[in-house]
Each structure stands twice: as C-alpha cells, then as structure tokens.
C-alpha cells in the first residue's frame, strides 16, 4: 500500500482487515501485531516510557455524552504521541486496538483509572469508527521505504 505522498495532516490509509501495523510514536518505531496478545502486551509496556496528555475526569464525562468531544480527546492523544503512519504489513492493521491501548494508558497516567489493563478491551463500534476518523500523519514515501527495508532486512538476518 502506498502512503499519502509526503507528510500530511490527511487521514492515513488504515485498513482494519489485517494484523500488523507499523507506526512511529514520539519518533520511535513500533511494529504491532494487533491480533497477537504478546505483541500487544509488549507495546503496552513500552508506552510506560512516555508521558501522556493531560485529561481530566470532566473530559471523560464530556466525551461519554458528546461524540465530537470524544473525537477531539482521541485526536489530542494522537497529537500528543505524535503518531505517524508507516505501513500496514500484509494489507492492514487494527488502529482502533492501538488507540484503545493509548487511551487506557492516558487514563491510567492521569489517575482516572487505578489499574493499567490495556488488553481488557471494552471499546464500542463507535470508538472504532472514531479512531478511523482521526487525522494521522503519514511518513514520506522515502522514509517508509527505509523503514520497511530495515524491518525486512532484520527478518532476513534472523532466518
């Protein structure tokens, strides 16, 4: 799949049909197999090295009654973590799963929930729809090619 040319604020071409999603978060590369619990746990643990955007209990209440406010809250999370889309290996990745983990992490870091259990998924169809409506930057085609070469080069060395 070819990314949007250059870095843009256009919606990245996510496709919720396959499992491996390659993203940059705070400039760090993350390969997340969104249908593999071990990969999701690893991703969730790695988030602990980052700070989280400030949100309040009031934000959560407003988001629960106003879809647009929830979209804005999720967009703040995307922007704070500086998420950049790289690729969907194999054709797609479940961005909503990644966003659920980031959302849970943000709630935990702000003291809104006491336990960080990101794999206990309870998101709704509406949450999923909102995730795919967010603005996510796509890396440039050149950077994408370099990253994929790095990923596939490492896989070949392991075999």
N, C-alpha and C. Protein backbone atom coordinates (compact mmCIF):
# COMPACT_ATOMS: atom_id res chain seq x y z
N UNK A 1 0.85 -1.17 0.00
CA UNK A 1 0.00 0.00 0.00
C UNK A 1 0.89 1.23 0.00
N UNK A 2 0.62 2.16 -0.87
CA UNK A 2 1.41 3.39 -0.94
C UNK A 2 0.80 4.42 0.01
N UNK A 3 1.65 5.02 0.81
CA UNK A 3 1.19 6.04 1.75
C UNK A 3 0.88 7.32 1.00
N UNK A 4 0.22 8.22 1.69
CA UNK A 4 0.00 9.56 1.16
C UNK A 4 1.37 10.16 0.92
N UNK A 5 1.59 10.79 -0.22
CA UNK A 5 2.91 11.34 -0.54
C UNK A 5 3.27 12.46 0.44
N UNK A 6 4.44 12.35 1.03
CA UNK A 6 4.92 13.36 1.96
C UNK A 6 4.20 13.31 3.29
N UNK A 7 4.63 14.16 4.18
CA UNK A 7 3.99 14.25 5.49
C UNK A 7 2.81 15.20 5.37
N UNK A 8 1.65 14.70 5.73
CA UNK A 8 0.43 15.48 5.60
C UNK A 8 -0.39 15.38 6.87
N UNK A 9 -1.44 16.16 6.94
CA UNK A 9 -2.40 16.02 8.03
C UNK A 9 -3.64 15.30 7.52
N UNK A 10 -3.53 14.65 6.37
CA UNK A 10 -4.65 13.89 5.85
C UNK A 10 -4.78 12.58 6.61
N UNK A 11 -5.95 12.02 6.53
CA UNK A 11 -6.19 10.73 7.19
C UNK A 11 -5.29 9.67 6.56
N UNK A 12 -4.58 8.94 7.39
CA UNK A 12 -3.72 7.87 6.90
C UNK A 12 -4.57 6.72 6.38
N UNK A 13 -4.03 5.93 5.45
CA UNK A 13 -4.82 4.87 4.81
C UNK A 13 -4.91 3.58 5.62
N UNK A 14 -5.48 3.63 6.80
CA UNK A 14 -5.63 2.43 7.62
C UNK A 14 -6.68 1.52 7.00
N UNK A 15 -6.45 0.24 7.12
CA UNK A 15 -7.43 -0.74 6.66
C UNK A 15 -7.60 -1.77 7.77
N UNK A 16 -8.77 -1.86 8.36
CA UNK A 16 -8.95 -2.77 9.51
C UNK A 16 -9.16 -4.22 9.11
N UNK A 17 -8.29 -4.75 8.24
CA UNK A 17 -8.50 -6.11 7.75
C UNK A 17 -7.37 -7.07 8.05
N UNK A 18 -6.21 -6.59 8.42
CA UNK A 18 -5.08 -7.46 8.73
C UNK A 18 -4.52 -7.10 10.08
N UNK A 19 -3.35 -7.65 10.39
CA UNK A 19 -2.94 -7.56 11.78
C UNK A 19 -1.75 -6.67 12.09
N UNK A 20 -0.78 -6.52 11.22
CA UNK A 20 0.45 -5.83 11.60
C UNK A 20 0.45 -4.38 11.16
N UNK A 21 0.60 -3.52 12.13
CA UNK A 21 0.58 -2.09 11.90
C UNK A 21 1.94 -1.53 12.28
N UNK A 22 2.54 -0.75 11.38
CA UNK A 22 3.83 -0.11 11.66
C UNK A 22 3.57 1.37 11.87
N UNK A 23 3.93 1.86 13.06
CA UNK A 23 3.71 3.26 13.42
C UNK A 23 4.97 3.83 14.04
N UNK A 24 5.09 5.15 13.95
CA UNK A 24 6.09 5.85 14.73
C UNK A 24 5.33 6.58 15.83
N UNK A 25 5.79 6.43 17.05
CA UNK A 25 5.19 7.11 18.20
C UNK A 25 6.32 7.85 18.89
N UNK A 26 6.17 9.16 18.98
CA UNK A 26 7.23 10.00 19.55
C UNK A 26 8.57 9.68 18.87
N UNK A 27 8.54 9.51 17.56
CA UNK A 27 9.71 9.23 16.71
C UNK A 27 10.28 7.83 16.87
N UNK A 28 9.72 7.00 17.74
CA UNK A 28 10.18 5.61 17.90
C UNK A 28 9.33 4.69 17.03
N UNK A 29 9.98 3.75 16.37
CA UNK A 29 9.29 2.81 15.50
C UNK A 29 8.64 1.69 16.31
N UNK A 30 7.37 1.41 16.01
CA UNK A 30 6.63 0.33 16.68
C UNK A 30 5.98 -0.55 15.62
N UNK A 31 6.26 -1.85 15.69
CA UNK A 31 5.60 -2.84 14.85
C UNK A 31 4.65 -3.60 15.78
N UNK A 32 3.35 -3.43 15.57
CA UNK A 32 2.36 -4.00 16.48
C UNK A 32 1.51 -5.02 15.74
N UNK A 33 1.64 -6.28 16.13
CA UNK A 33 0.77 -7.33 15.60
C UNK A 33 -0.52 -7.26 16.42
N UNK A 34 -1.53 -6.61 15.86
CA UNK A 34 -2.73 -6.27 16.64
C UNK A 34 -3.64 -7.45 16.94
N UNK A 35 -3.33 -8.63 16.40
CA UNK A 35 -4.11 -9.81 16.76
C UNK A 35 -3.29 -10.78 17.61
N UNK A 36 -2.17 -10.32 18.15
CA UNK A 36 -1.28 -11.14 18.97
C UNK A 36 -1.15 -10.53 20.35
N UNK A 37 -1.70 -11.21 21.35
CA UNK A 37 -1.68 -10.70 22.72
C UNK A 37 -0.29 -10.37 23.23
N UNK A 38 0.71 -11.19 22.88
CA UNK A 38 2.07 -10.93 23.32
C UNK A 38 2.63 -9.64 22.75
N UNK A 39 2.37 -9.41 21.47
CA UNK A 39 2.82 -8.18 20.83
C UNK A 39 2.12 -6.97 21.44
N UNK A 40 0.83 -7.11 21.72
CA UNK A 40 0.07 -6.00 22.33
C UNK A 40 0.57 -5.70 23.74
N UNK A 41 0.88 -6.74 24.50
CA UNK A 41 1.43 -6.53 25.85
C UNK A 41 2.77 -5.81 25.78
N UNK A 42 3.61 -6.23 24.85
CA UNK A 42 4.92 -5.61 24.67
C UNK A 42 4.76 -4.12 24.32
N UNK A 43 3.84 -3.84 23.40
CA UNK A 43 3.56 -2.46 23.02
C UNK A 43 3.05 -1.66 24.22
N UNK A 44 2.11 -2.22 24.96
CA UNK A 44 1.53 -1.54 26.12
C UNK A 44 2.60 -1.24 27.17
N UNK A 45 3.50 -2.18 27.41
CA UNK A 45 4.58 -1.96 28.38
C UNK A 45 5.54 -0.89 27.91
N UNK A 46 5.84 -0.88 26.61
CA UNK A 46 6.76 0.13 26.07
C UNK A 46 6.22 1.54 26.19
N UNK A 47 4.91 1.69 26.25
CA UNK A 47 4.33 3.02 26.40
C UNK A 47 4.71 3.67 27.71
N UNK A 48 5.06 2.88 28.70
CA UNK A 48 5.34 3.42 30.03
C UNK A 48 6.54 4.36 30.06
N UNK A 49 7.33 4.37 29.01
CA UNK A 49 8.47 5.30 28.97
C UNK A 49 8.06 6.70 28.49
N UNK A 50 6.82 6.84 28.07
CA UNK A 50 6.33 8.12 27.57
C UNK A 50 5.41 8.78 28.59
N UNK A 51 5.36 10.10 28.52
CA UNK A 51 4.35 10.81 29.30
C UNK A 51 3.02 10.71 28.52
N UNK A 52 1.97 11.21 29.10
CA UNK A 52 0.65 11.15 28.46
C UNK A 52 0.04 12.54 28.45
N UNK A 53 -0.88 12.79 27.52
CA UNK A 53 -1.54 14.09 27.53
C UNK A 53 -2.38 14.26 28.78
N UNK A 54 -2.52 15.47 29.23
CA UNK A 54 -3.34 15.75 30.41
C UNK A 54 -4.81 15.69 30.03
N UNK A 55 -5.55 14.84 30.73
CA UNK A 55 -7.00 14.82 30.61
C UNK A 55 -7.57 14.72 32.02
N UNK A 56 -8.80 15.14 32.15
CA UNK A 56 -9.45 15.17 33.47
C UNK A 56 -10.68 14.26 33.48
N UNK A 57 -11.20 14.07 34.66
CA UNK A 57 -12.45 13.32 34.81
C UNK A 57 -13.56 14.03 34.03
N UNK A 58 -13.54 15.35 34.05
CA UNK A 58 -14.54 16.13 33.30
C UNK A 58 -14.44 15.84 31.81
N UNK A 59 -13.21 15.71 31.28
CA UNK A 59 -13.03 15.36 29.87
C UNK A 59 -13.71 14.03 29.55
N UNK A 60 -13.57 13.07 30.45
CA UNK A 60 -14.14 11.74 30.24
C UNK A 60 -15.67 11.80 30.26
N UNK A 61 -16.22 12.57 31.18
CA UNK A 61 -17.68 12.73 31.26
C UNK A 61 -18.20 13.37 29.98
N UNK A 62 -17.56 14.45 29.55
CA UNK A 62 -17.98 15.12 28.32
C UNK A 62 -17.86 14.20 27.11
N UNK A 63 -16.77 13.43 27.05
CA UNK A 63 -16.56 12.51 25.94
C UNK A 63 -17.62 11.41 25.91
N UNK A 64 -18.12 11.03 27.08
CA UNK A 64 -19.13 9.96 27.14
C UNK A 64 -20.49 10.42 26.63
N UNK A 65 -20.74 11.72 26.62
CA UNK A 65 -22.04 12.22 26.16
C UNK A 65 -21.97 12.98 24.84
N UNK A 66 -20.77 13.29 24.38
CA UNK A 66 -20.61 14.08 23.16
C UNK A 66 -19.57 13.42 22.24
N UNK A 67 -20.05 12.86 21.14
CA UNK A 67 -19.17 12.15 20.20
C UNK A 67 -18.06 13.05 19.67
N UNK A 68 -18.38 14.30 19.37
CA UNK A 68 -17.36 15.22 18.86
C UNK A 68 -16.28 15.48 19.90
N UNK A 69 -16.68 15.56 21.17
CA UNK A 69 -15.70 15.77 22.24
C UNK A 69 -14.80 14.54 22.36
N UNK A 70 -15.38 13.35 22.21
CA UNK A 70 -14.58 12.12 22.26
C UNK A 70 -13.58 12.11 21.11
N UNK A 71 -14.01 12.50 19.92
CA UNK A 71 -13.10 12.57 18.77
C UNK A 71 -11.96 13.54 19.07
N UNK A 72 -12.29 14.71 19.64
CA UNK A 72 -11.26 15.69 19.99
C UNK A 72 -10.29 15.13 21.03
N UNK A 73 -10.82 14.40 21.99
CA UNK A 73 -9.98 13.80 23.03
C UNK A 73 -9.03 12.77 22.41
N UNK A 74 -9.54 11.92 21.54
CA UNK A 74 -8.70 10.93 20.86
C UNK A 74 -7.67 11.62 19.96
N UNK A 75 -8.07 12.71 19.32
CA UNK A 75 -7.14 13.44 18.47
C UNK A 75 -6.02 14.05 19.31
N UNK A 76 -6.35 14.51 20.51
CA UNK A 76 -5.31 15.03 21.42
C UNK A 76 -4.30 13.95 21.75
N UNK A 77 -4.78 12.72 21.92
CA UNK A 77 -3.88 11.60 22.20
C UNK A 77 -2.97 11.34 20.99
N UNK A 78 -3.55 11.30 19.79
CA UNK A 78 -2.76 11.11 18.57
C UNK A 78 -1.70 12.20 18.46
N UNK A 79 -2.11 13.44 18.65
CA UNK A 79 -1.19 14.57 18.52
C UNK A 79 -0.10 14.54 19.59
N UNK A 80 -0.48 14.22 20.82
CA UNK A 80 0.49 14.19 21.91
C UNK A 80 1.57 13.14 21.65
N UNK A 81 1.15 11.96 21.22
CA UNK A 81 2.11 10.89 20.97
C UNK A 81 2.78 11.02 19.60
N UNK A 82 2.40 12.05 18.86
CA UNK A 82 2.99 12.33 17.55
C UNK A 82 2.99 11.06 16.69
N UNK A 83 1.82 10.44 16.59
CA UNK A 83 1.70 9.18 15.85
C UNK A 83 1.84 9.46 14.36
N UNK A 84 2.72 8.67 13.74
CA UNK A 84 2.92 8.74 12.29
C UNK A 84 2.68 7.34 11.71
N UNK A 85 1.89 7.30 10.69
CA UNK A 85 1.59 6.04 10.00
C UNK A 85 2.75 5.69 9.07
N UNK A 86 3.20 4.43 9.14
CA UNK A 86 4.24 3.95 8.23
C UNK A 86 3.65 2.98 7.23
N UNK A 87 3.05 1.88 7.70
CA UNK A 87 2.53 0.88 6.78
C UNK A 87 1.63 -0.11 7.52
N UNK A 88 0.84 -0.82 6.74
CA UNK A 88 0.07 -1.98 7.21
C UNK A 88 0.70 -3.19 6.55
N UNK A 89 1.54 -3.90 7.28
CA UNK A 89 2.19 -5.07 6.69
C UNK A 89 1.15 -6.14 6.43
N UNK A 90 1.14 -6.64 5.23
CA UNK A 90 0.16 -7.66 4.86
C UNK A 90 -1.18 -7.06 4.48
N UNK A 91 -1.31 -5.75 4.43
CA UNK A 91 -2.53 -5.13 3.94
C UNK A 91 -3.34 -4.36 4.94
N UNK A 92 -3.11 -4.48 6.22
CA UNK A 92 -3.92 -3.72 7.16
C UNK A 92 -3.46 -3.88 8.58
N UNK A 93 -4.08 -3.16 9.46
CA UNK A 93 -3.79 -3.24 10.88
C UNK A 93 -4.94 -2.62 11.64
N UNK A 94 -5.14 -3.06 12.83
CA UNK A 94 -6.28 -2.60 13.63
C UNK A 94 -5.86 -1.38 14.46
N UNK A 95 -5.98 -0.21 13.85
CA UNK A 95 -5.58 1.02 14.52
C UNK A 95 -6.41 1.27 15.78
N UNK A 96 -7.66 0.82 15.78
CA UNK A 96 -8.51 1.00 16.96
C UNK A 96 -7.94 0.27 18.17
N UNK A 97 -7.28 -0.86 17.96
CA UNK A 97 -6.67 -1.60 19.06
C UNK A 97 -5.52 -0.79 19.66
N UNK A 98 -4.70 -0.21 18.80
CA UNK A 98 -3.60 0.65 19.26
C UNK A 98 -4.16 1.85 20.00
N UNK A 99 -5.21 2.46 19.47
CA UNK A 99 -5.80 3.64 20.12
C UNK A 99 -6.41 3.27 21.47
N UNK A 100 -7.01 2.09 21.58
CA UNK A 100 -7.58 1.66 22.86
C UNK A 100 -6.47 1.59 23.92
N UNK A 101 -5.34 1.01 23.54
CA UNK A 101 -4.22 0.91 24.48
C UNK A 101 -3.72 2.30 24.86
N UNK A 102 -3.57 3.19 23.89
CA UNK A 102 -3.12 4.56 24.18
C UNK A 102 -4.13 5.29 25.06
N UNK A 103 -5.41 5.08 24.82
CA UNK A 103 -6.47 5.70 25.61
C UNK A 103 -6.40 5.20 27.05
N UNK A 104 -6.29 3.88 27.23
CA UNK A 104 -6.19 3.31 28.58
C UNK A 104 -4.94 3.81 29.30
N UNK A 105 -3.84 3.90 28.58
CA UNK A 105 -2.59 4.40 29.17
C UNK A 105 -2.76 5.85 29.62
N UNK A 106 -3.41 6.65 28.79
CA UNK A 106 -3.65 8.06 29.14
C UNK A 106 -4.53 8.17 30.38
N UNK A 107 -5.58 7.36 30.44
CA UNK A 107 -6.44 7.36 31.63
C UNK A 107 -5.64 6.97 32.88
N UNK A 108 -4.81 5.95 32.75
CA UNK A 108 -4.00 5.49 33.88
C UNK A 108 -3.00 6.55 34.34
N UNK A 109 -2.29 7.14 33.39
CA UNK A 109 -1.28 8.14 33.75
C UNK A 109 -1.89 9.39 34.39
N UNK A 110 -3.15 9.65 34.11
CA UNK A 110 -3.84 10.80 34.69
C UNK A 110 -4.61 10.44 35.95
N UNK A 111 -4.49 9.21 36.42
CA UNK A 111 -5.13 8.79 37.66
C UNK A 111 -6.63 8.57 37.56
N UNK A 112 -7.15 8.50 36.35
CA UNK A 112 -8.59 8.31 36.16
C UNK A 112 -8.97 6.85 36.36
N UNK A 113 -8.09 5.95 35.98
CA UNK A 113 -8.26 4.53 36.33
C UNK A 113 -7.05 4.12 37.17
N UNK A 114 -7.28 3.19 38.07
CA UNK A 114 -6.22 2.81 39.02
C UNK A 114 -5.30 1.72 38.49
N UNK A 115 -5.83 0.85 37.61
CA UNK A 115 -5.02 -0.24 37.07
C UNK A 115 -4.90 -0.09 35.57
N UNK A 116 -3.71 -0.33 35.06
CA UNK A 116 -3.45 -0.27 33.63
C UNK A 116 -3.61 -1.68 33.07
N UNK A 117 -4.79 -1.95 32.51
CA UNK A 117 -5.10 -3.25 31.91
C UNK A 117 -5.54 -3.02 30.47
N UNK A 118 -4.60 -2.67 29.60
CA UNK A 118 -4.97 -2.28 28.24
C UNK A 118 -5.53 -3.40 27.38
N UNK A 119 -5.28 -4.64 27.74
CA UNK A 119 -5.78 -5.73 26.91
C UNK A 119 -7.20 -6.14 27.26
N UNK A 120 -7.74 -5.58 28.34
CA UNK A 120 -9.14 -5.82 28.69
C UNK A 120 -9.97 -4.84 27.86
N UNK A 121 -10.30 -5.26 26.65
CA UNK A 121 -10.92 -4.35 25.69
C UNK A 121 -12.42 -4.26 25.91
N UNK A 122 -12.89 -3.03 25.92
CA UNK A 122 -14.33 -2.78 26.05
C UNK A 122 -14.79 -1.69 25.09
N UNK A 123 -13.99 -1.39 24.09
CA UNK A 123 -14.38 -0.30 23.21
C UNK A 123 -15.61 -0.69 22.39
N UNK A 124 -16.31 0.31 21.94
CA UNK A 124 -17.55 0.10 21.20
C UNK A 124 -17.31 0.27 19.70
N UNK A 125 -18.33 -0.03 18.94
CA UNK A 125 -18.27 0.19 17.50
C UNK A 125 -18.05 1.68 17.23
N UNK A 126 -18.66 2.53 18.05
CA UNK A 126 -18.50 3.98 17.88
C UNK A 126 -17.05 4.38 18.13
N UNK A 127 -16.40 3.81 19.15
CA UNK A 127 -14.98 4.09 19.42
C UNK A 127 -14.15 3.73 18.19
N UNK A 128 -14.41 2.56 17.64
CA UNK A 128 -13.67 2.11 16.45
C UNK A 128 -13.87 3.09 15.30
N UNK A 129 -15.11 3.50 15.05
CA UNK A 129 -15.38 4.46 13.97
C UNK A 129 -14.65 5.77 14.21
N UNK A 130 -14.65 6.24 15.44
CA UNK A 130 -13.96 7.50 15.75
C UNK A 130 -12.46 7.38 15.50
N UNK A 131 -11.88 6.24 15.84
CA UNK A 131 -10.44 6.04 15.63
C UNK A 131 -10.06 6.17 14.16
N UNK A 132 -10.90 5.65 13.28
CA UNK A 132 -10.60 5.70 11.86
C UNK A 132 -10.96 7.05 11.23
N UNK A 133 -11.49 7.97 12.03
CA UNK A 133 -11.78 9.31 11.52
C UNK A 133 -10.72 10.33 11.95
N UNK A 134 -9.72 9.88 12.71
CA UNK A 134 -8.70 10.80 13.24
C UNK A 134 -7.70 11.19 12.16
N UNK A 135 -7.10 12.36 12.33
CA UNK A 135 -6.04 12.82 11.44
C UNK A 135 -4.71 12.26 11.95
N UNK A 136 -4.06 11.47 11.11
CA UNK A 136 -2.77 10.88 11.45
C UNK A 136 -1.80 11.18 10.32
N UNK A 137 -0.64 11.66 10.67
CA UNK A 137 0.40 11.98 9.69
C UNK A 137 0.94 10.68 9.09
N UNK A 138 1.20 10.70 7.79
CA UNK A 138 1.89 9.60 7.13
C UNK A 138 3.33 10.02 6.90
N UNK A 139 4.27 9.11 7.13
CA UNK A 139 5.66 9.43 6.84
C UNK A 139 5.83 9.58 5.34
N UNK A 140 6.93 10.18 4.92
CA UNK A 140 7.20 10.34 3.50
C UNK A 140 7.43 8.96 2.86
N UNK A 141 7.26 8.89 1.56
CA UNK A 141 7.50 7.63 0.86
C UNK A 141 8.93 7.16 1.05
N UNK A 142 9.87 8.10 1.05
CA UNK A 142 11.28 7.75 1.22
C UNK A 142 11.53 7.14 2.60
N UNK A 143 10.97 7.76 3.63
CA UNK A 143 11.15 7.23 4.98
C UNK A 143 10.47 5.87 5.12
N UNK A 144 9.31 5.74 4.53
CA UNK A 144 8.59 4.46 4.55
C UNK A 144 9.45 3.35 3.96
N UNK A 145 10.04 3.62 2.80
CA UNK A 145 10.89 2.62 2.15
C UNK A 145 12.09 2.25 3.02
N UNK A 146 12.71 3.23 3.65
CA UNK A 146 13.85 2.97 4.54
C UNK A 146 13.43 2.10 5.73
N UNK A 147 12.30 2.42 6.31
CA UNK A 147 11.81 1.66 7.47
C UNK A 147 11.48 0.22 7.08
N UNK A 148 10.79 0.04 5.95
CA UNK A 148 10.43 -1.31 5.52
C UNK A 148 11.68 -2.12 5.17
N UNK A 149 12.66 -1.46 4.58
CA UNK A 149 13.93 -2.14 4.28
C UNK A 149 14.60 -2.58 5.58
N UNK A 150 14.54 -1.73 6.58
CA UNK A 150 15.11 -2.06 7.89
C UNK A 150 14.37 -3.25 8.51
N UNK A 151 13.04 -3.24 8.46
CA UNK A 151 12.24 -4.32 9.04
C UNK A 151 12.50 -5.63 8.31
N UNK A 152 12.41 -5.61 6.99
CA UNK A 152 12.59 -6.84 6.23
C UNK A 152 14.03 -7.31 6.25
N UNK A 153 14.98 -6.40 6.34
CA UNK A 153 16.39 -6.77 6.45
C UNK A 153 16.65 -7.50 7.75
N UNK A 154 16.04 -7.03 8.85
CA UNK A 154 16.19 -7.68 10.15
C UNK A 154 15.55 -9.06 10.15
N UNK A 155 14.41 -9.21 9.48
CA UNK A 155 13.74 -10.52 9.41
C UNK A 155 14.60 -11.52 8.66
N UNK A 156 15.23 -11.09 7.54
CA UNK A 156 16.06 -11.98 6.75
C UNK A 156 17.30 -12.41 7.54
N UNK A 157 17.88 -11.51 8.34
CA UNK A 157 19.05 -11.83 9.14
C UNK A 157 18.71 -12.87 10.21
N UNK A 158 17.48 -12.82 10.74
CA UNK A 158 17.06 -13.77 11.78
C UNK A 158 16.88 -15.17 11.22
N UNK A 159 16.51 -15.28 9.93
CA UNK A 159 16.23 -16.60 9.31
C UNK A 159 17.48 -17.27 8.87
